[in-house]
Protein backbone atom coordinates (compact mmCIF):
# COMPACT_ATOMS: atom_id res chain seq x y z
CA MET A 1 -0.08 -0.04 0.02
CA PRO A 2 1.59 3.18 -1.05
CA GLY A 3 1.86 6.21 1.47
CA ALA A 4 3.64 3.59 4.54
CA GLN A 5 6.94 5.35 4.09
CA ILE A 6 9.29 2.68 5.18
CA ASN A 7 12.39 1.86 3.59
CA PRO A 8 12.62 -1.91 2.12
CA LEU A 9 16.49 -1.78 3.18
CA LEU A 10 15.30 -1.55 6.52
CA ILE A 11 13.24 -4.50 6.28
CA GLN A 12 16.18 -6.36 4.67
CA GLN A 13 18.42 -5.33 7.51
CA LEU A 14 15.98 -6.61 10.31
CA THR A 15 14.75 -9.70 8.30
CA ASP A 16 17.71 -11.17 6.43
CA LYS A 17 15.27 -11.32 3.50
CA GLU A 18 16.68 -10.60 -0.15
CA ILE A 19 15.73 -7.28 -1.31
CA THR A 20 13.93 -9.06 -4.28
CA GLU A 21 11.70 -10.62 -1.64
CA ILE A 22 10.65 -7.11 -0.56
CA GLN A 23 7.64 -5.00 -1.48
CA LYS A 24 8.49 -1.53 -3.04
CA PHE A 25 5.98 -0.25 -0.82
CA PRO A 26 6.41 -1.86 2.47
CA THR A 27 3.40 -1.73 5.25
CA LEU A 28 3.59 -1.90 8.94
CA SER A 29 2.90 -5.48 8.85
CA SER A 30 6.16 -5.81 7.19
CA LEU A 31 8.17 -4.59 10.07
CA PRO A 32 8.90 -7.66 12.66
CA GLY A 33 8.09 -7.83 16.35
CA LYS A 34 4.95 -6.41 17.97
CA TYR A 35 5.67 -2.97 19.23
CA ALA A 36 5.26 -1.21 15.86
CA ARG A 37 1.69 -1.95 15.69
CA LEU A 38 1.27 -1.48 19.01
CA ILE A 39 2.30 1.77 19.33
CA ASN A 40 1.01 2.84 15.64
CA ARG A 41 -2.49 2.16 17.31
CA GLN A 42 -2.15 4.84 19.68
CA LYS A 43 0.52 7.27 17.79
CA GLU A 44 -1.22 10.32 18.74
CA ASN A 45 -0.32 9.93 22.47
CA ILE A 46 2.97 10.40 22.21
CA PRO A 47 4.11 13.75 21.89
CA LYS A 48 5.97 15.15 18.84
CA HIS A 49 9.41 16.51 19.40
CA PHE A 50 8.70 19.14 17.02
CA GLU A 51 5.64 20.78 15.68
CA GLU A 52 4.18 19.72 12.73
CA ASN A 53 5.90 21.48 9.81
CA SER A 54 4.45 20.64 6.60
CA PHE A 55 5.09 21.75 3.27
CA MET A 56 4.02 20.63 -0.64
CA LEU A 57 7.28 18.81 -1.84
CA THR A 58 7.70 17.22 -5.48
CA CYS A 59 9.57 14.20 -5.71
CA LYS A 60 12.59 14.35 -8.36
CA SER A 61 12.21 10.48 -9.04
CA CYS A 62 8.88 10.34 -10.04
CA GLY A 63 7.48 14.27 -10.41
CA ARG A 64 4.60 14.08 -8.26
CA LYS A 65 3.86 16.60 -5.49
CA GLY A 66 2.78 15.55 -1.90
CA LYS A 67 2.27 17.33 1.55
CA TYR A 68 5.12 16.20 3.93
CA ASP A 69 6.36 17.17 7.63
CA VAL A 70 10.01 18.46 7.36
CA GLY A 71 9.98 18.47 11.24
CA LEU A 72 12.83 20.89 12.45
CA MET A 73 14.39 23.02 9.75
CA VAL A 74 18.25 23.13 10.69
CA VAL A 75 19.72 26.29 8.79
CA ASN A 76 23.73 25.55 8.59
CA VAL A 77 24.97 29.18 8.33
CA ASP A 78 28.37 28.30 8.22
CA ARG A 79 28.54 25.68 5.63
CA GLU A 80 28.20 26.52 1.95
CA GLU A 81 25.73 24.35 -0.05
CA ASP A 82 27.45 22.13 -3.04
CA GLY A 83 25.82 23.15 -6.10
CA GLU A 84 22.76 25.08 -6.70
CA GLY A 85 20.07 26.10 -4.56
CA THR A 86 19.55 27.85 -1.43
CA GLU A 87 22.66 29.85 -0.02
CA TYR A 88 22.88 27.67 3.16
CA PRO A 89 22.11 24.25 3.47
CA ILE A 90 19.03 23.42 5.51
CA GLN A 91 18.69 20.26 7.13
CA THR A 92 15.46 18.59 8.25
CA THR A 93 14.75 16.20 11.09
CA GLY A 94 11.29 14.62 10.03
CA TYR A 95 11.74 11.44 8.23
CA PHE A 96 9.92 11.20 5.30
CA ARG A 97 9.70 9.34 1.84
CA CYS A 98 7.74 9.79 -1.37
CA LYS A 99 4.10 8.87 -0.77
CA HIS A 100 3.79 7.65 -4.68
CA CYS A 101 7.31 6.09 -5.53
CA ASN A 102 8.59 5.43 -1.77
CA ASP A 103 11.56 7.03 -3.15
CA ALA A 104 13.60 9.71 -0.35
CA GLY A 105 16.26 12.32 -0.57
CA ASN A 106 15.52 13.99 -3.81
CA TRP A 107 13.34 16.80 -3.49
CA GLU A 108 12.52 19.85 -5.05
CA MET A 109 12.11 22.17 -2.31
CA PRO A 110 9.17 25.14 -2.46
CA SER A 111 9.97 28.85 -2.16
CA GLN A 112 7.76 28.86 0.88
CA PHE A 113 10.32 26.39 2.52
CA ILE A 114 13.19 28.61 2.06
CA ILE A 115 11.29 31.58 2.84
CA ALA A 116 10.12 30.10 6.01
CA SER A 117 13.85 29.20 7.07
CA MET A 118 14.63 33.11 6.46
CA ALA A 119 11.85 34.12 8.39
CA GLY A 120 13.33 31.60 11.24
CA ILE A 121 16.76 32.97 11.15
CA LEU A 122 15.15 36.59 11.76
CA ALA A 123 12.63 35.60 14.10
CA LYS A 124 15.09 33.64 16.45
CA GLY A 125 13.73 33.16 20.05
CA SER A 126 10.29 34.17 18.68
CA PHE A 127 7.14 32.54 20.22
CA GLY A 128 6.02 29.92 17.42
CA MET A 129 9.21 29.71 15.54
CA GLU A 130 11.77 27.97 17.97
CA ASN A 131 10.32 24.57 17.52
CA ARG A 132 10.09 24.86 13.79
CA CYS A 133 13.58 26.56 12.51
CA THR A 134 16.81 27.22 14.43
CA VAL A 135 20.38 27.60 13.38
CA GLY A 136 23.14 24.98 13.62
CA LYS A 137 24.05 21.49 12.22
CA ASN A 138 22.66 18.20 12.89
CA LEU A 139 24.94 15.70 13.36
CA LEU A 140 24.97 11.75 14.04
CA TYR A 141 26.70 10.23 16.69
CA ASP A 142 29.79 9.71 14.48
CA GLY A 143 29.86 13.34 13.40
CA SER A 144 28.73 12.81 10.18
CA TRP A 145 26.26 15.55 8.55
CA HIS A 146 23.36 14.62 6.09
CA LEU A 147 21.13 16.78 4.74
CA PHE A 148 17.68 14.87 5.24
CA SER A 149 16.83 11.97 7.54
CA SER A 150 16.43 9.41 5.22
CA ASP A 151 20.21 10.04 4.18
CA ALA A 152 21.33 9.84 7.51
CA GLU A 153 19.40 6.53 7.59
CA LEU A 154 21.32 4.92 4.40
CA HIS A 155 24.40 5.98 6.62
CA LEU A 156 23.33 4.11 9.50
CA LEU A 157 21.96 1.20 7.72
CA HIS A 158 25.20 0.87 5.66
CA GLN A 159 27.03 0.81 9.46
CA LEU A 160 24.63 -2.11 10.22
CA LYS A 161 25.44 -4.18 7.36
CA GLU A 162 29.00 -4.45 8.15
CA ASP A 163 28.21 -4.82 11.78
CA PRO A 164 24.84 -5.97 12.23
CA ASP A 165 24.63 -7.15 15.94
CA ASN A 166 25.66 -3.57 16.90
CA SER A 167 22.61 -2.63 19.31
CA PHE A 168 24.36 1.19 19.88
CA VAL A 169 24.12 1.49 16.38
CA TRP A 170 20.71 0.01 16.08
CA ASN A 171 19.51 2.54 18.99
CA ARG A 172 20.80 5.46 17.00
CA LEU A 173 18.90 4.24 14.03
CA GLY A 174 15.64 4.31 16.21
CA ASN A 175 16.45 7.95 17.66
CA LEU A 176 16.53 9.21 14.11
CA TYR A 177 13.03 7.57 13.62
CA ASP A 178 11.82 8.78 17.12
CA LYS A 179 13.16 12.52 16.44
CA GLY A 180 11.78 12.24 12.63
CA ASN A 181 8.25 11.81 14.54
CA ARG A 182 7.75 8.01 13.51
CA PRO A 183 7.42 6.23 16.70
CA GLU A 184 5.99 3.12 15.05
CA ILE A 185 9.20 2.53 13.03
CA ALA A 186 11.52 3.54 15.94
CA ALA A 187 9.80 1.44 18.28
CA CYS A 188 10.52 -1.85 15.84
CA VAL A 189 13.98 -0.83 15.65
CA TYR A 190 14.31 -0.40 19.26
CA GLU A 191 12.64 -3.93 19.80
CA TYR A 192 15.18 -5.55 17.62
CA SER A 193 18.30 -3.80 19.31
CA VAL A 194 17.12 -5.08 23.16
CA VAL A 195 16.54 -8.59 21.00
CA ILE A 196 19.78 -8.76 20.42
CA ASP A 197 21.62 -6.99 23.39
CA PRO A 198 19.04 -7.10 26.08
CA GLY A 199 21.68 -4.50 27.88
CA GLN A 200 20.82 -1.66 25.50
CA ILE A 201 19.23 0.64 28.08
CA GLU A 202 18.96 3.43 25.86
CA SER A 203 16.62 1.73 23.89
CA HIS A 204 14.47 0.19 26.87
CA TYR A 205 14.32 3.57 28.28
CA THR A 206 12.58 5.37 25.04
CA LEU A 207 10.11 2.07 24.93
CA GLY A 208 9.51 2.45 28.28
CA GLN A 209 8.76 6.13 27.59
CA TYR A 210 6.40 5.00 24.75
CA PHE A 211 4.66 2.68 26.77
CA PHE A 212 4.16 4.83 29.37
CA GLN A 213 2.41 7.73 27.17
CA ILE A 214 0.07 5.23 25.71
CA LYS A 215 -0.70 4.14 29.23
CA ASP A 216 0.54 0.51 28.63
CA LEU A 217 1.84 0.28 32.44
CA GLU A 218 3.16 -3.20 32.55
CA ARG A 219 5.21 -2.82 29.25
CA ALA A 220 6.47 0.49 30.35
CA ALA A 221 7.26 -0.73 33.65
CA HIS A 222 9.14 -3.85 32.53
CA HIS A 223 11.39 -1.96 30.00
CA TYR A 224 12.31 0.67 32.68
CA LYS A 225 13.37 -2.18 35.10
CA GLN A 226 15.29 -3.93 32.38
CA MET A 227 17.06 -0.25 32.06
CA LEU A 228 17.77 -0.38 35.81
CA LEU A 229 18.95 -3.61 35.77
CA GLY A 230 21.56 -2.85 33.05
CA ALA A 231 22.62 0.60 34.51
CA SER A 232 25.73 -0.61 36.17
CA GLU A 233 27.37 -2.16 33.02
CA TYR A 234 26.26 0.26 30.32
CA GLN A 235 29.42 2.60 29.50
CA LEU A 236 28.15 4.20 26.29
CA LEU A 237 26.89 7.29 28.03
CA ALA A 238 28.67 9.94 30.41
CA ALA A 239 28.06 9.44 33.83
CA GLU A 240 25.55 12.59 34.34
CA ASP A 241 23.89 11.49 31.06
CA LEU A 242 23.23 8.21 32.40
CA ARG A 243 21.93 9.30 35.77
CA GLN A 244 19.73 11.71 33.94
CA MET A 245 17.70 8.83 31.90
CA VAL A 246 17.81 6.35 35.04
CA ALA A 247 16.46 9.16 37.26
CA SER A 248 13.93 9.69 34.64
CA GLY A 249 12.94 6.33 34.47
CA LEU A 250 12.49 5.83 37.86
CA ALA A 251 10.58 9.08 38.16
CA ASN A 252 8.13 7.26 35.69
CA LEU A 253 8.31 3.70 37.75
CA PHE A 254 7.35 5.82 40.72
CA ASP A 255 4.19 7.24 38.42
CA VAL A 256 3.46 3.60 37.49
CA PHE A 257 3.35 2.48 41.02
CA GLN A 258 1.24 5.05 41.98
CA GLU A 259 -1.37 4.75 38.67
CA SER A 260 -1.76 1.26 39.44
CA ASN A 261 -2.64 1.71 42.89
CA GLY A 262 0.47 -0.42 44.12
CA ASN A 263 0.04 -3.42 41.60
CA ILE A 264 3.35 -3.03 39.94
CA PRO A 265 6.17 -2.10 42.33
CA PHE A 266 8.30 0.72 42.10
CA LEU A 267 11.46 -1.34 41.91
CA PRO A 268 12.90 -4.23 40.77
CA THR A 269 11.68 -7.24 42.93
CA LYS A 270 13.99 -9.92 44.75
CA GLU A 271 13.60 -12.29 41.81
CA GLU A 272 13.90 -9.96 39.39
CA LEU A 273 17.23 -8.95 40.92
CA GLU A 274 18.05 -12.79 41.42
CA SER A 275 17.28 -13.18 37.89
CA ALA A 276 19.44 -10.69 36.48
CA GLY A 277 22.33 -11.91 38.50
CA LYS A 278 22.04 -8.28 40.50
CA LEU A 279 21.03 -9.51 43.80
CA LYS A 280 24.58 -9.57 45.61
CA GLU A 281 25.23 -6.12 44.04
CA MET A 282 22.37 -4.47 45.43
CA GLU A 283 22.33 -5.93 49.02
CA LYS A 284 25.17 -3.62 50.13
CA TYR A 285 22.90 -0.66 49.71
CA VAL A 286 20.20 -2.28 52.24
CA VAL A 287 21.27 -0.04 54.97
CA ASP A 288 18.98 2.21 57.09
CA MET A 289 18.91 5.26 54.27
CA LYS A 290 16.61 7.95 54.04
CA VAL A 291 15.68 8.95 50.82
CA ASP A 292 12.88 11.79 50.28
CA ILE A 293 11.09 11.65 46.94
CA VAL A 294 9.65 14.76 45.63
CA GLU A 295 6.83 14.61 43.05
CA GLY A 296 7.78 16.54 40.14
CA GLU A 297 11.69 16.82 41.54
CA LEU A 298 13.66 14.65 39.49
CA GLU A 299 16.97 15.19 41.36
CA SER A 300 15.00 13.71 44.70
CA PHE A 301 15.33 10.27 42.20
CA TYR A 302 19.19 10.71 42.03
CA PRO A 303 20.30 8.58 44.94
CA PHE A 304 18.18 5.81 43.60
CA ALA A 305 19.86 6.27 39.99
CA GLU A 306 23.33 6.20 41.53
CA ILE A 307 22.42 3.01 43.36
CA TYR A 308 21.49 1.40 40.14
CA MET A 309 24.56 2.92 38.35
CA GLY A 310 26.85 1.01 40.68
CA ALA A 311 30.48 1.48 39.92
CA GLN A 312 29.29 3.72 37.06
CA SER A 313 28.50 6.61 39.78
CA LYS A 314 31.95 6.72 40.80
CA LYS A 315 32.66 8.35 37.71
CA LEU A 316 30.28 11.56 38.83
CA PRO A 317 32.51 14.46 39.85
CA ASN A 318 32.30 14.24 43.91
CA ARG A 319 30.33 17.34 44.33
CA LEU A 320 27.67 15.79 41.79
CA ARG A 321 27.22 12.69 43.86
CA THR A 322 24.31 12.53 45.92
CA LEU A 323 23.98 9.04 47.55
CA LYS A 324 25.16 8.88 51.16
CA VAL A 325 25.41 5.35 52.16
CA PRO A 326 25.89 5.47 56.18
CA LYS A 327 28.39 2.88 56.91
CA PRO A 328 27.18 -0.07 59.16
CA ALA A 329 27.77 0.54 62.94
CA THR A 330 30.96 -1.53 64.01
CA LYS A 331 31.81 -2.25 67.79
CA LYS A 332 34.78 -1.12 69.20
CA LYS A 333 37.42 -3.74 70.29
CA LYS A 334 38.24 -3.20 73.57
CA LYS A 335 42.15 -2.50 74.52
CA TRP A 336 44.04 -4.53 76.50
CA LYS A 337 46.84 -3.57 78.30
CA LYS A 338 49.75 -5.51 78.51
CA ARG A 339 50.72 -6.14 82.54
CA LYS A 340 54.23 -5.76 83.01
CA LYS A 341 56.06 -8.95 84.51
CA LYS A 342 57.00 -8.46 87.79
CA GLN A 343 60.65 -9.06 88.42
CA ARG A 344 61.73 -11.44 91.30
């Protein structure tokens, strides 16, 4: 069915099928796993990263026009464009493909697009424009630059062809779809990344966010707890970013606990810790600690986050650490005085 806007090369990478076996216009049912369809059913409940920013674009491959949400326009004022076109390259975060031929990245942009970008620069900071246009560069994790999100997608798919089990790159591909207002495709990619690597906690976190937003509390709690259980071994984020993510997941877990009237535990159970091989690691924190949770204050979850970070929390600067574990009381040993031998 034309219009689903899914790259056949993504299906190929996910399923290991020959490209000739894949439809030119893949549908949502072509994506493996369950999450793409679950999220798509309630897609309207997942907040967009950027406001709708639609234009009538012409696909140069088939010559047909269509309305597409380009997402955030990023004007690269310090980079000259190669060839003809606008004075400055304008990157877009939205993920879109031609509704008619399913090609991508070969667009004729209308004059309104150029005018809007210039207006965005002039009105920088004005209400209503900051979420549609900005000045700067949009780079991938490896520092590479791409004009359209579909170009960045091809770059990451090429990396995955060389290293198909790299869950970190799969996560970054998921982030591309997520920022591109395509959470249904992102959910499939995140789901795949945690299948090949259950320790990919960034994917667990975003899946937890998705399910929390659509009020699937059981699945949200599952993925947030998997994030907690893997946090101490995850070394692909800076310590402060890791703590922020874990604390955010904990805050939402607390909301899940409250919304479920306590039927869904706030933290991983003893059985879950044991199953993950984390029970001994966590036992050292079972002391008389007092942690005040303040609803609406993410920082109040920092001590819990640092517990689950384990050794990773040691990477935080001392001035930023919030976890204070009291040392267990020890009995003082009595000192015995040596008695001098009496001389006879």
